[in-house]
Amino acid sequence: MYLIAEFQDQSELEDAIQALKAEGLGVLDMDLFSEEPVEFRRGILDRPSRMSLVAVLGAIIMGGLATTGVYAAQHNYALVTGGMPIFSFWGSGVITYETTMMGAILSTFGWFLWESRLLHKRDKSAPVPLVPPGSMCLRIHCADNHIAGRAERILNHAGAVAIEKKGPRE
């Protein structure tokens, strides 16, 4: 079951989220919908991210693969010119640099799609609320009616303008 609560005031919404988290609901059970970006202070609806780690690992892997590829190509087709070495890091630096940056960009983009849940299987029963102008809608996934009742009391106490239940009732 899903509860969809409409809020007009951001501070009331923050209080509701904090109270729901204190009651045991996780941040992955809550989604916020708004016509405009909503910026919370730290710790309100934070979701863990590994974006920086993935970007660095993607850069290292792609840079390493590029350098290895250039090394293998230059040793498979050994061309000695003017006493220069067959393989030189200085000579392959541009290729290594560019593919390192490409690895960072592609891994960051891919991880963004993963963390935003665009690549996950979508729950077709999850309702998407119609957000009135100037409002913020908080969608909460409730596993059972007991949790839904507690969440509804918290949302009413926090100052929700409207609360709607959607989805199968258990």
Protein backbone atom coordinates (compact mmCIF):
# COMPACT_ATOMS: atom_id res chain seq x y z
CA MET A 1 0.00 0.00 0.00
CA TYR A 2 1.13 3.55 -0.66
CA LEU A 3 0.35 6.74 1.21
CA ILE A 4 0.62 9.98 -0.69
CA ALA A 5 0.75 13.09 1.49
CA GLU A 6 0.63 16.62 0.13
CA PHE A 7 2.54 19.39 1.91
CA GLN A 8 2.64 23.14 1.32
CA ASP A 9 5.45 23.95 3.76
CA GLN A 10 8.94 22.46 3.46
CA SER A 11 9.64 22.58 7.21
CA GLU A 12 6.49 20.53 7.89
CA LEU A 13 7.61 18.05 5.24
CA GLU A 14 11.05 17.79 6.86
CA ASP A 15 9.44 17.19 10.26
CA ALA A 16 7.25 14.46 8.77
CA ILE A 17 10.22 12.72 7.15
CA GLN A 18 12.22 12.86 10.39
CA ALA A 19 9.29 11.44 12.36
CA LEU A 20 8.75 8.66 9.82
CA LYS A 21 12.44 7.76 9.96
CA ALA A 22 12.28 7.71 13.76
CA GLU A 23 9.30 5.34 13.48
CA GLY A 24 11.40 2.88 11.46
CA LEU A 25 10.60 3.69 7.83
CA GLY A 26 13.67 3.80 5.60
CA VAL A 27 14.54 6.53 3.14
CA LEU A 28 14.18 4.02 0.29
CA ASP A 29 10.50 3.66 1.21
CA MET A 30 9.92 7.39 0.67
CA ASP A 31 9.86 9.32 -2.60
CA LEU A 32 9.33 13.05 -3.01
CA PHE A 33 7.51 14.61 -5.96
CA SER A 34 7.52 18.33 -6.70
CA GLU A 35 7.32 20.70 -9.64
CA GLU A 36 10.46 22.47 -8.45
CA PRO A 37 13.66 21.14 -6.88
CA VAL A 38 13.46 20.79 -3.11
CA GLU A 39 16.71 21.17 -1.21
CA PHE A 40 16.78 19.62 2.25
CA ARG A 41 19.40 20.17 4.88
CA ARG A 42 21.81 17.30 5.45
CA GLY A 43 20.36 14.17 7.02
CA ILE A 44 16.71 14.57 6.00
CA LEU A 45 16.28 12.34 2.96
CA ASP A 46 19.89 11.35 2.29
CA ARG A 47 20.48 8.22 0.30
CA PRO A 48 23.93 6.63 0.31
CA SER A 49 25.90 7.15 -2.89
CA ARG A 50 29.07 5.59 -4.24
CA MET A 51 29.29 7.95 -7.21
CA SER A 52 32.82 9.22 -6.51
CA LEU A 53 34.19 5.71 -5.97
CA VAL A 54 32.61 4.47 -9.20
CA ALA A 55 33.98 7.45 -11.16
CA VAL A 56 37.53 6.83 -9.92
CA LEU A 57 37.34 3.08 -10.51
CA GLY A 58 35.92 3.61 -14.00
CA ALA A 59 38.75 6.00 -14.80
CA ILE A 60 41.41 3.64 -13.49
CA ILE A 61 40.01 0.63 -15.33
CA MET A 62 39.55 2.42 -18.66
CA GLY A 63 42.96 4.14 -18.42
CA GLY A 64 44.62 0.84 -17.58
CA LEU A 65 42.88 -0.94 -20.43
CA ALA A 66 43.86 1.81 -22.87
CA THR A 67 47.50 1.74 -21.80
CA THR A 68 47.53 -2.05 -22.00
CA GLY A 69 45.98 -1.92 -25.47
CA VAL A 70 48.50 0.60 -26.73
CA TYR A 71 51.34 -1.45 -25.19
CA ALA A 72 50.07 -4.65 -26.82
CA ALA A 73 49.58 -2.99 -30.21
CA GLN A 74 53.03 -1.43 -30.22
CA HIS A 75 54.70 -4.70 -29.25
CA ASN A 76 52.72 -6.78 -31.75
CA TYR A 77 53.75 -4.41 -34.55
CA ALA A 78 57.23 -3.44 -33.39
CA LEU A 79 58.45 -0.47 -35.36
CA VAL A 80 61.87 0.80 -34.33
CA THR A 81 62.25 4.38 -35.51
CA GLY A 82 65.33 6.45 -34.84
CA GLY A 83 66.43 4.50 -31.78
CA MET A 84 63.27 5.38 -29.85
CA PRO A 85 61.68 2.80 -27.57
CA ILE A 86 58.90 0.63 -28.97
CA PHE A 87 56.57 1.64 -26.13
CA SER A 88 56.71 4.95 -24.30
CA PHE A 89 54.30 6.32 -21.71
CA TRP A 90 54.95 9.80 -23.08
CA GLY A 91 53.92 8.75 -26.57
CA SER A 92 50.73 7.06 -25.42
CA GLY A 93 49.84 9.71 -22.84
CA VAL A 94 47.10 11.40 -24.86
CA ILE A 95 45.33 8.10 -25.53
CA THR A 96 45.62 7.10 -21.86
CA TYR A 97 44.36 10.48 -20.66
CA GLU A 98 41.39 10.62 -23.00
CA THR A 99 40.22 7.08 -22.32
CA THR A 100 40.69 7.64 -18.58
CA MET A 101 38.34 10.62 -18.76
CA MET A 102 35.92 8.64 -20.94
CA GLY A 103 35.91 5.87 -18.33
CA ALA A 104 35.12 8.36 -15.57
CA ILE A 105 32.32 9.94 -17.58
CA LEU A 106 30.71 6.69 -18.72
CA SER A 107 30.88 5.06 -15.30
CA THR A 108 29.43 8.18 -13.66
CA PHE A 109 26.57 8.27 -16.17
CA GLY A 110 25.87 4.57 -15.78
CA TRP A 111 25.94 4.79 -11.98
CA PHE A 112 23.62 7.81 -12.10
CA LEU A 113 21.11 5.75 -14.07
CA TRP A 114 21.49 2.91 -11.55
CA GLU A 115 21.13 5.07 -8.42
CA SER A 116 18.18 6.98 -9.84
CA ARG A 117 16.48 3.59 -10.24
CA LEU A 118 15.88 4.14 -13.95
CA LEU A 119 17.49 0.78 -14.75
CA HIS A 120 15.61 -1.16 -12.06
CA LYS A 121 12.41 -3.03 -12.69
CA ARG A 122 9.62 -0.62 -12.00
CA ASP A 123 6.82 -1.43 -9.62
CA LYS A 124 3.84 -0.96 -11.92
CA SER A 125 1.52 -0.59 -8.95
CA ALA A 126 3.44 2.37 -7.50
CA PRO A 127 1.21 5.40 -8.06
CA VAL A 128 2.70 8.64 -9.29
CA PRO A 129 0.88 11.57 -7.70
CA LEU A 130 -0.39 14.62 -9.53
CA VAL A 131 1.45 17.45 -7.84
CA PRO A 132 -0.48 20.72 -7.54
CA PRO A 133 1.56 23.88 -8.19
CA GLY A 134 3.49 24.97 -5.11
CA SER A 135 3.00 21.63 -3.36
CA MET A 136 5.26 18.73 -2.48
CA CYS A 137 3.96 15.16 -2.41
CA LEU A 138 5.59 12.50 -0.27
CA ARG A 139 4.90 8.91 -1.38
CA ILE A 140 5.46 6.29 1.29
CA HIS A 141 5.53 2.56 0.68
CA CYS A 142 3.88 0.79 3.63
CA ALA A 143 4.31 -2.96 3.99
CA ASP A 144 1.09 -3.46 5.97
CA ASN A 145 -1.95 -1.64 7.37
CA HIS A 146 -0.36 -1.22 10.81
CA ILE A 147 2.56 0.75 9.37
CA ALA A 148 0.18 2.72 7.14
CA GLY A 149 -1.94 3.72 10.16
CA ARG A 150 1.10 4.91 12.13
CA ALA A 151 2.46 6.78 9.10
CA GLU A 152 -0.90 8.43 8.49
CA ARG A 153 -1.04 9.69 12.10
CA ILE A 154 2.49 11.08 11.78
CA LEU A 155 1.65 12.82 8.51
CA ASN A 156 -1.52 14.36 9.96
CA HIS A 157 0.37 15.56 13.02
CA ALA A 158 3.14 17.05 10.85
CA GLY A 159 0.67 19.17 8.88
CA ALA A 160 -0.12 17.30 5.67
CA VAL A 161 -2.75 19.11 3.61
CA ALA A 162 -4.13 15.88 2.12
CA ILE A 163 -3.37 12.18 2.55
CA GLU A 164 -4.43 9.56 0.04
CA LYS A 165 -4.16 5.77 0.23
CA LYS A 166 -3.43 3.92 -3.01
CA GLY A 167 -2.62 0.38 -3.96
CA PRO A 168 -3.68 -3.02 -2.68
CA ARG A 169 -4.78 -3.25 0.91
CA GLU A 170 -3.39 -6.13 2.90
